[in-house]
N, C-alpha and C. Protein backbone atom coordinates (compact mmCIF):
# COMPACT_ATOMS: atom_id res chain seq x y z
N MET A 1 116.09 -22.92 -88.59
CA MET A 1 114.68 -22.74 -88.31
C MET A 1 113.95 -22.46 -89.62
N LYS A 2 112.78 -23.04 -89.73
CA LYS A 2 111.99 -22.82 -90.91
C LYS A 2 110.52 -22.71 -90.51
N ASN A 3 109.84 -21.71 -91.05
CA ASN A 3 108.42 -21.52 -90.78
C ASN A 3 107.59 -22.18 -91.87
N TYR A 4 106.49 -22.80 -91.48
CA TYR A 4 105.57 -23.43 -92.41
C TYR A 4 104.16 -23.00 -92.05
N THR A 5 103.31 -22.80 -93.07
CA THR A 5 101.90 -22.58 -92.85
C THR A 5 101.17 -23.81 -93.34
N LEU A 6 100.32 -24.36 -92.50
CA LEU A 6 99.62 -25.59 -92.82
C LEU A 6 98.18 -25.30 -93.21
N SER A 7 97.54 -26.29 -93.77
CA SER A 7 96.19 -26.13 -94.28
C SER A 7 95.16 -25.74 -93.22
N LYS A 8 95.37 -26.07 -91.98
CA LYS A 8 94.39 -25.77 -90.95
C LYS A 8 94.65 -24.42 -90.30
N SER A 9 95.22 -23.49 -91.00
CA SER A 9 95.41 -22.12 -90.56
C SER A 9 96.26 -21.97 -89.30
N PHE A 10 97.24 -22.79 -89.14
CA PHE A 10 98.19 -22.55 -88.07
C PHE A 10 99.59 -22.64 -88.65
N LYS A 11 100.50 -21.93 -88.00
CA LYS A 11 101.89 -21.88 -88.47
C LYS A 11 102.76 -22.73 -87.56
N VAL A 12 103.66 -23.46 -88.20
CA VAL A 12 104.56 -24.33 -87.46
C VAL A 12 105.99 -23.91 -87.75
N LEU A 13 106.77 -23.81 -86.71
CA LEU A 13 108.19 -23.52 -86.80
C LEU A 13 108.93 -24.81 -86.47
N ILE A 14 109.82 -25.24 -87.37
CA ILE A 14 110.68 -26.39 -87.09
C ILE A 14 112.00 -25.83 -86.59
N ARG A 15 112.37 -26.23 -85.37
CA ARG A 15 113.59 -25.70 -84.76
C ARG A 15 114.25 -26.77 -83.91
N LYS A 16 115.49 -26.48 -83.50
CA LYS A 16 116.22 -27.39 -82.61
C LYS A 16 115.48 -27.51 -81.28
N CYS A 17 115.50 -28.70 -80.73
CA CYS A 17 114.89 -28.94 -79.43
C CYS A 17 115.76 -28.33 -78.34
N ARG A 18 115.10 -27.76 -77.35
CA ARG A 18 115.78 -27.19 -76.19
C ARG A 18 115.37 -27.95 -74.93
N MET A 19 116.15 -27.84 -73.91
CA MET A 19 115.87 -28.53 -72.65
C MET A 19 114.44 -28.28 -72.17
N GLU A 20 113.99 -27.04 -72.27
CA GLU A 20 112.65 -26.71 -71.77
C GLU A 20 111.52 -27.33 -72.61
N ASP A 21 111.86 -27.87 -73.79
CA ASP A 21 110.87 -28.54 -74.64
C ASP A 21 110.63 -29.99 -74.21
N LEU A 22 111.54 -30.55 -73.44
CA LEU A 22 111.50 -31.99 -73.16
C LEU A 22 110.22 -32.48 -72.48
N PRO A 23 109.63 -31.76 -71.53
CA PRO A 23 108.36 -32.26 -70.97
C PRO A 23 107.27 -32.46 -72.04
N ASP A 24 107.19 -31.53 -72.99
CA ASP A 24 106.20 -31.66 -74.06
C ASP A 24 106.56 -32.80 -75.01
N VAL A 25 107.84 -32.95 -75.30
CA VAL A 25 108.30 -34.04 -76.16
C VAL A 25 107.96 -35.39 -75.51
N ILE A 26 108.22 -35.51 -74.23
CA ILE A 26 107.94 -36.76 -73.52
C ILE A 26 106.44 -37.03 -73.49
N LYS A 27 105.64 -36.00 -73.35
CA LYS A 27 104.18 -36.17 -73.40
C LYS A 27 103.75 -36.72 -74.76
N ILE A 28 104.29 -36.17 -75.84
CA ILE A 28 103.98 -36.65 -77.18
C ILE A 28 104.44 -38.10 -77.34
N GLU A 29 105.61 -38.41 -76.83
CA GLU A 29 106.13 -39.79 -76.86
C GLU A 29 105.14 -40.73 -76.18
N ASN A 30 104.66 -40.35 -75.00
CA ASN A 30 103.73 -41.20 -74.25
C ASN A 30 102.38 -41.35 -74.94
N LEU A 31 101.94 -40.31 -75.64
CA LEU A 31 100.68 -40.38 -76.39
C LEU A 31 100.82 -41.22 -77.66
N SER A 32 102.04 -41.37 -78.14
CA SER A 32 102.28 -41.98 -79.45
C SER A 32 102.69 -43.44 -79.41
N PHE A 33 103.34 -43.87 -78.34
CA PHE A 33 103.91 -45.21 -78.32
C PHE A 33 103.53 -45.97 -77.06
N LYS A 34 103.27 -47.26 -77.23
CA LYS A 34 102.97 -48.14 -76.09
C LYS A 34 104.24 -48.35 -75.25
N TYR A 35 105.36 -48.59 -75.93
CA TYR A 35 106.65 -48.76 -75.25
C TYR A 35 107.48 -47.53 -75.56
N THR A 36 107.76 -46.73 -74.56
CA THR A 36 108.40 -45.43 -74.77
C THR A 36 109.88 -45.46 -74.38
N TYR A 37 110.60 -44.50 -74.93
CA TYR A 37 111.99 -44.30 -74.53
C TYR A 37 112.02 -43.68 -73.14
N PRO A 38 113.04 -44.02 -72.34
CA PRO A 38 113.21 -43.33 -71.05
C PRO A 38 113.60 -41.87 -71.31
N SER A 39 113.27 -41.00 -70.38
CA SER A 39 113.54 -39.57 -70.58
C SER A 39 115.03 -39.29 -70.78
N SER A 40 115.91 -40.13 -70.25
CA SER A 40 117.35 -39.92 -70.41
C SER A 40 117.77 -39.94 -71.88
N ILE A 41 117.07 -40.71 -72.70
CA ILE A 41 117.39 -40.77 -74.14
C ILE A 41 117.23 -39.38 -74.76
N PHE A 42 116.15 -38.70 -74.41
CA PHE A 42 115.90 -37.37 -74.98
C PHE A 42 116.98 -36.38 -74.54
N HIS A 43 117.41 -36.48 -73.30
CA HIS A 43 118.50 -35.62 -72.83
C HIS A 43 119.77 -35.90 -73.62
N ASP A 44 120.06 -37.18 -73.86
CA ASP A 44 121.28 -37.57 -74.58
C ASP A 44 121.31 -37.03 -76.00
N TYR A 45 120.15 -36.89 -76.63
CA TYR A 45 120.10 -36.47 -78.02
C TYR A 45 119.99 -34.95 -78.21
N LEU A 46 119.91 -34.19 -77.15
CA LEU A 46 119.77 -32.74 -77.29
C LEU A 46 120.86 -32.11 -78.15
N SER A 47 122.06 -32.65 -78.10
CA SER A 47 123.17 -32.07 -78.86
C SER A 47 123.28 -32.66 -80.27
N LYS A 48 122.36 -33.55 -80.63
CA LYS A 48 122.40 -34.17 -81.96
C LYS A 48 121.29 -33.60 -82.82
N LEU A 49 120.83 -34.35 -83.77
CA LEU A 49 119.74 -33.91 -84.65
C LEU A 49 118.41 -34.13 -83.93
N PHE A 50 117.96 -33.13 -83.24
CA PHE A 50 116.74 -33.22 -82.45
C PHE A 50 115.94 -31.96 -82.71
N PHE A 51 114.85 -32.12 -83.43
CA PHE A 51 114.03 -30.99 -83.84
C PHE A 51 112.61 -31.12 -83.29
N VAL A 52 111.99 -29.97 -83.07
CA VAL A 52 110.60 -29.95 -82.65
C VAL A 52 109.79 -29.12 -83.63
N ALA A 53 108.49 -29.42 -83.67
CA ALA A 53 107.52 -28.61 -84.41
C ALA A 53 106.83 -27.74 -83.36
N ASP A 54 106.98 -26.44 -83.51
CA ASP A 54 106.48 -25.46 -82.54
C ASP A 54 105.34 -24.70 -83.20
N GLU A 55 104.13 -24.85 -82.65
CA GLU A 55 102.97 -24.15 -83.16
C GLU A 55 102.53 -23.16 -82.10
N ASN A 56 102.89 -21.89 -82.33
CA ASN A 56 102.55 -20.83 -81.39
C ASN A 56 103.01 -21.15 -79.96
N LYS A 57 104.27 -21.54 -79.85
CA LYS A 57 104.94 -21.87 -78.58
C LYS A 57 104.40 -23.15 -77.93
N LYS A 58 103.75 -23.98 -78.71
CA LYS A 58 103.29 -25.29 -78.24
C LYS A 58 104.01 -26.35 -79.08
N ILE A 59 104.68 -27.28 -78.41
CA ILE A 59 105.37 -28.35 -79.12
C ILE A 59 104.34 -29.38 -79.57
N VAL A 60 104.29 -29.61 -80.89
CA VAL A 60 103.27 -30.52 -81.45
C VAL A 60 103.89 -31.73 -82.13
N GLY A 61 105.21 -31.80 -82.16
CA GLY A 61 105.89 -32.95 -82.74
C GLY A 61 107.38 -32.86 -82.53
N TYR A 62 108.05 -33.98 -82.76
CA TYR A 62 109.51 -34.00 -82.65
C TYR A 62 110.09 -35.08 -83.57
N ALA A 63 111.35 -34.92 -83.87
CA ALA A 63 112.09 -35.94 -84.62
C ALA A 63 113.54 -35.93 -84.12
N ILE A 64 114.09 -37.15 -84.01
CA ILE A 64 115.47 -37.31 -83.54
C ILE A 64 116.23 -38.14 -84.57
N GLY A 65 117.41 -37.67 -84.92
CA GLY A 65 118.28 -38.41 -85.82
C GLY A 65 119.69 -38.49 -85.28
N ASP A 66 120.42 -39.46 -85.77
CA ASP A 66 121.83 -39.63 -85.41
C ASP A 66 122.62 -39.67 -86.71
N LYS A 67 123.26 -38.56 -87.01
CA LYS A 67 123.98 -38.40 -88.28
C LYS A 67 125.06 -39.46 -88.46
N HIS A 68 125.79 -39.78 -87.40
CA HIS A 68 126.91 -40.72 -87.51
C HIS A 68 126.45 -42.15 -87.79
N ARG A 69 125.27 -42.48 -87.33
CA ARG A 69 124.73 -43.82 -87.59
C ARG A 69 123.73 -43.82 -88.74
N HIS A 70 123.52 -42.64 -89.36
CA HIS A 70 122.56 -42.50 -90.46
C HIS A 70 121.17 -42.96 -90.03
N LEU A 71 120.82 -42.72 -88.78
CA LEU A 71 119.63 -43.32 -88.18
C LEU A 71 118.59 -42.27 -87.81
N ILE A 72 117.36 -42.54 -88.18
CA ILE A 72 116.24 -41.78 -87.64
C ILE A 72 115.80 -42.55 -86.40
N VAL A 73 116.01 -41.95 -85.26
CA VAL A 73 115.80 -42.62 -83.98
C VAL A 73 114.31 -42.66 -83.64
N SER A 74 113.65 -41.53 -83.75
CA SER A 74 112.23 -41.46 -83.40
C SER A 74 111.60 -40.23 -84.02
N ILE A 75 110.33 -40.36 -84.33
CA ILE A 75 109.54 -39.24 -84.83
C ILE A 75 108.11 -39.44 -84.35
N ALA A 76 107.51 -38.36 -83.87
CA ALA A 76 106.12 -38.45 -83.41
C ALA A 76 105.48 -37.06 -83.50
N VAL A 77 104.19 -37.08 -83.76
CA VAL A 77 103.39 -35.86 -83.82
C VAL A 77 102.21 -36.05 -82.86
N HIS A 78 101.89 -35.02 -82.12
CA HIS A 78 100.75 -35.07 -81.20
C HIS A 78 99.51 -35.52 -81.98
N PRO A 79 98.71 -36.43 -81.41
CA PRO A 79 97.55 -36.97 -82.13
C PRO A 79 96.61 -35.91 -82.71
N GLU A 80 96.45 -34.78 -82.05
CA GLU A 80 95.56 -33.73 -82.55
C GLU A 80 96.11 -33.00 -83.77
N TYR A 81 97.39 -33.19 -84.07
CA TYR A 81 98.03 -32.46 -85.17
C TYR A 81 98.47 -33.37 -86.31
N ARG A 82 98.17 -34.63 -86.22
CA ARG A 82 98.59 -35.58 -87.26
C ARG A 82 97.85 -35.34 -88.56
N ARG A 83 98.47 -35.81 -89.65
CA ARG A 83 97.92 -35.73 -91.00
C ARG A 83 97.79 -34.28 -91.50
N ASN A 84 98.71 -33.45 -91.06
CA ASN A 84 98.79 -32.07 -91.52
C ASN A 84 100.15 -31.75 -92.13
N GLY A 85 100.99 -32.76 -92.34
CA GLY A 85 102.30 -32.53 -92.94
C GLY A 85 103.42 -32.26 -91.96
N ILE A 86 103.13 -32.25 -90.68
CA ILE A 86 104.16 -31.93 -89.68
C ILE A 86 105.22 -33.02 -89.64
N GLY A 87 104.82 -34.28 -89.70
CA GLY A 87 105.79 -35.37 -89.71
C GLY A 87 106.73 -35.26 -90.90
N THR A 88 106.19 -34.92 -92.06
CA THR A 88 107.03 -34.76 -93.26
C THR A 88 108.01 -33.61 -93.07
N MET A 89 107.55 -32.49 -92.50
CA MET A 89 108.46 -31.36 -92.23
C MET A 89 109.60 -31.79 -91.32
N LEU A 90 109.26 -32.53 -90.27
CA LEU A 90 110.27 -32.96 -89.31
C LEU A 90 111.26 -33.93 -89.94
N ILE A 91 110.76 -34.90 -90.68
CA ILE A 91 111.68 -35.88 -91.28
C ILE A 91 112.57 -35.20 -92.33
N ASN A 92 112.02 -34.24 -93.05
CA ASN A 92 112.83 -33.51 -94.03
C ASN A 92 113.95 -32.72 -93.36
N GLU A 93 113.66 -32.16 -92.20
CA GLU A 93 114.70 -31.42 -91.46
C GLU A 93 115.83 -32.36 -91.04
N ILE A 94 115.48 -33.54 -90.59
CA ILE A 94 116.51 -34.54 -90.23
C ILE A 94 117.32 -34.92 -91.47
N LEU A 95 116.62 -35.23 -92.57
CA LEU A 95 117.31 -35.70 -93.78
C LEU A 95 118.23 -34.63 -94.37
N LYS A 96 117.88 -33.35 -94.23
CA LYS A 96 118.75 -32.26 -94.70
C LYS A 96 120.09 -32.28 -94.01
N ASN A 97 120.15 -32.86 -92.84
CA ASN A 97 121.36 -32.87 -92.04
C ASN A 97 122.12 -34.19 -92.09
N MET A 98 121.68 -35.09 -92.96
CA MET A 98 122.34 -36.39 -93.11
C MET A 98 122.98 -36.47 -94.49
N GLU A 99 123.89 -37.42 -94.62
CA GLU A 99 124.58 -37.62 -95.90
C GLU A 99 124.40 -39.05 -96.37
N ASP A 100 124.32 -39.23 -97.67
CA ASP A 100 124.30 -40.53 -98.35
C ASP A 100 123.00 -41.31 -98.18
N TYR A 101 122.63 -41.64 -96.95
CA TYR A 101 121.43 -42.45 -96.74
C TYR A 101 120.96 -42.30 -95.29
N ALA A 102 119.73 -42.74 -95.05
CA ALA A 102 119.18 -42.79 -93.70
C ALA A 102 118.44 -44.11 -93.54
N VAL A 103 118.47 -44.63 -92.33
CA VAL A 103 117.75 -45.87 -92.02
C VAL A 103 116.87 -45.65 -90.79
N LEU A 104 115.89 -46.54 -90.65
CA LEU A 104 115.03 -46.53 -89.48
C LEU A 104 114.41 -47.90 -89.31
N GLN A 105 113.90 -48.15 -88.12
CA GLN A 105 113.16 -49.37 -87.85
C GLN A 105 111.74 -48.97 -87.46
N VAL A 106 110.79 -49.75 -87.95
CA VAL A 106 109.39 -49.49 -87.64
C VAL A 106 108.69 -50.82 -87.34
N ARG A 107 107.76 -50.79 -86.40
CA ARG A 107 107.01 -52.00 -86.07
C ARG A 107 106.30 -52.53 -87.31
N LYS A 108 106.36 -53.82 -87.48
CA LYS A 108 105.71 -54.47 -88.62
C LYS A 108 104.21 -54.20 -88.63
N SER A 109 103.63 -54.02 -87.45
CA SER A 109 102.19 -53.78 -87.34
C SER A 109 101.79 -52.31 -87.53
N ASN A 110 102.76 -51.42 -87.59
CA ASN A 110 102.46 -49.98 -87.67
C ASN A 110 102.27 -49.56 -89.12
N ILE A 111 101.13 -49.93 -89.66
CA ILE A 111 100.84 -49.72 -91.09
C ILE A 111 100.86 -48.23 -91.44
N ASP A 112 100.29 -47.38 -90.58
CA ASP A 112 100.28 -45.94 -90.87
C ASP A 112 101.70 -45.38 -90.98
N ALA A 113 102.57 -45.79 -90.07
CA ALA A 113 103.95 -45.31 -90.11
C ALA A 113 104.67 -45.82 -91.36
N ILE A 114 104.44 -47.07 -91.71
CA ILE A 114 105.08 -47.63 -92.90
C ILE A 114 104.64 -46.86 -94.14
N LYS A 115 103.35 -46.56 -94.24
CA LYS A 115 102.84 -45.76 -95.37
C LYS A 115 103.48 -44.37 -95.38
N PHE A 116 103.60 -43.76 -94.20
CA PHE A 116 104.22 -42.44 -94.07
C PHE A 116 105.66 -42.48 -94.58
N TYR A 117 106.43 -43.46 -94.14
CA TYR A 117 107.83 -43.54 -94.55
C TYR A 117 107.94 -43.81 -96.05
N LYS A 118 107.10 -44.67 -96.58
CA LYS A 118 107.13 -44.93 -98.03
C LYS A 118 106.79 -43.67 -98.80
N LYS A 119 105.79 -42.92 -98.33
CA LYS A 119 105.42 -41.65 -98.97
C LYS A 119 106.59 -40.67 -98.98
N ASN A 120 107.46 -40.80 -97.98
CA ASN A 120 108.63 -39.92 -97.88
C ASN A 120 109.89 -40.54 -98.45
N GLY A 121 109.74 -41.56 -99.30
CA GLY A 121 110.85 -42.09 -100.07
C GLY A 121 111.63 -43.23 -99.45
N PHE A 122 111.17 -43.77 -98.34
CA PHE A 122 111.87 -44.90 -97.72
C PHE A 122 111.39 -46.21 -98.34
N ASN A 123 112.29 -47.17 -98.40
CA ASN A 123 111.99 -48.49 -98.94
C ASN A 123 112.25 -49.55 -97.89
N GLU A 124 111.43 -50.59 -97.91
CA GLU A 124 111.65 -51.71 -96.99
C GLU A 124 112.88 -52.48 -97.44
N LYS A 125 113.76 -52.78 -96.49
CA LYS A 125 115.00 -53.48 -96.82
C LYS A 125 115.10 -54.87 -96.20
N ASN A 126 114.56 -55.01 -94.99
CA ASN A 126 114.74 -56.26 -94.28
C ASN A 126 113.76 -56.35 -93.13
N ILE A 127 113.59 -57.55 -92.61
CA ILE A 127 112.81 -57.77 -91.39
C ILE A 127 113.82 -58.08 -90.28
N ILE A 128 113.66 -57.44 -89.15
CA ILE A 128 114.49 -57.73 -87.99
C ILE A 128 113.59 -58.47 -87.00
N LYS A 129 113.82 -59.76 -86.89
CA LYS A 129 112.98 -60.61 -86.04
C LYS A 129 113.12 -60.22 -84.57
N TYR A 130 111.99 -60.19 -83.88
CA TYR A 130 111.92 -59.98 -82.43
C TYR A 130 112.65 -58.72 -81.97
N TYR A 131 112.59 -57.67 -82.76
CA TYR A 131 113.35 -56.45 -82.48
C TYR A 131 112.85 -55.72 -81.23
N TYR A 132 111.54 -55.68 -81.05
CA TYR A 132 110.96 -54.90 -79.95
C TYR A 132 110.83 -55.72 -78.68
N ILE A 133 110.73 -55.01 -77.57
CA ILE A 133 110.72 -55.64 -76.24
C ILE A 133 109.59 -56.66 -76.10
N ASP A 134 108.50 -56.45 -76.82
CA ASP A 134 107.37 -57.38 -76.73
C ASP A 134 107.48 -58.52 -77.75
N GLY A 135 108.61 -58.59 -78.46
CA GLY A 135 108.85 -59.67 -79.42
C GLY A 135 108.40 -59.39 -80.84
N GLU A 136 107.80 -58.23 -81.07
CA GLU A 136 107.36 -57.91 -82.44
C GLU A 136 108.56 -57.66 -83.35
N ASP A 137 108.39 -58.03 -84.61
CA ASP A 137 109.41 -57.79 -85.62
C ASP A 137 109.42 -56.32 -86.02
N ALA A 138 110.56 -55.87 -86.51
CA ALA A 138 110.69 -54.54 -87.08
C ALA A 138 110.97 -54.67 -88.57
N ILE A 139 110.57 -53.66 -89.29
CA ILE A 139 110.95 -53.55 -90.70
C ILE A 139 112.06 -52.51 -90.76
N LEU A 140 113.17 -52.88 -91.34
CA LEU A 140 114.28 -51.96 -91.57
C LEU A 140 113.98 -51.24 -92.89
N MET A 141 113.96 -49.92 -92.84
CA MET A 141 113.70 -49.12 -94.04
C MET A 141 114.88 -48.20 -94.27
N SER A 142 115.10 -47.84 -95.54
CA SER A 142 116.21 -46.92 -95.85
C SER A 142 115.82 -46.00 -96.99
N LYS A 143 116.58 -44.92 -97.08
CA LYS A 143 116.38 -43.93 -98.14
C LYS A 143 117.74 -43.38 -98.54
N LYS A 144 117.99 -43.34 -99.84
CA LYS A 144 119.20 -42.66 -100.34
C LYS A 144 118.96 -41.16 -100.28
N ILE A 145 120.01 -40.43 -99.94
CA ILE A 145 119.92 -38.98 -99.87
C ILE A 145 120.87 -38.40 -100.90
N GLY A 146 120.37 -37.46 -101.65
CA GLY A 146 121.23 -36.78 -102.63
C GLY A 146 121.21 -37.37 -103.99
């Protein structure tokens, strides 16, 4: 667990996700993505690298990673809390728990996310054609760790 104070005078605690956090996590998922993961995915990742940003007992963001696959599965911040550094805190918590490198896929059209990942040291590696359910391509990004 790590406490952070952000510029807008609120404190955020980055901690492991708990079962009781899942309704808020799923709400953030639904606010953030057109095509969302089923709730079972979140249950499956509870025992893995799954962190939430807790602002005064309110979940305002989450990040999921899979150490064995070196994969950042998903990251999202509630729209009202974006652009305050919470996403960077969450991704850093995931990366602290990974070794050698991390990879992720991002929609080719998601310019804000691509900028965010580049700002956090990720590089574009490849295009994955028709990766998403609607046929959109993904950009494979990676970052060396250590």
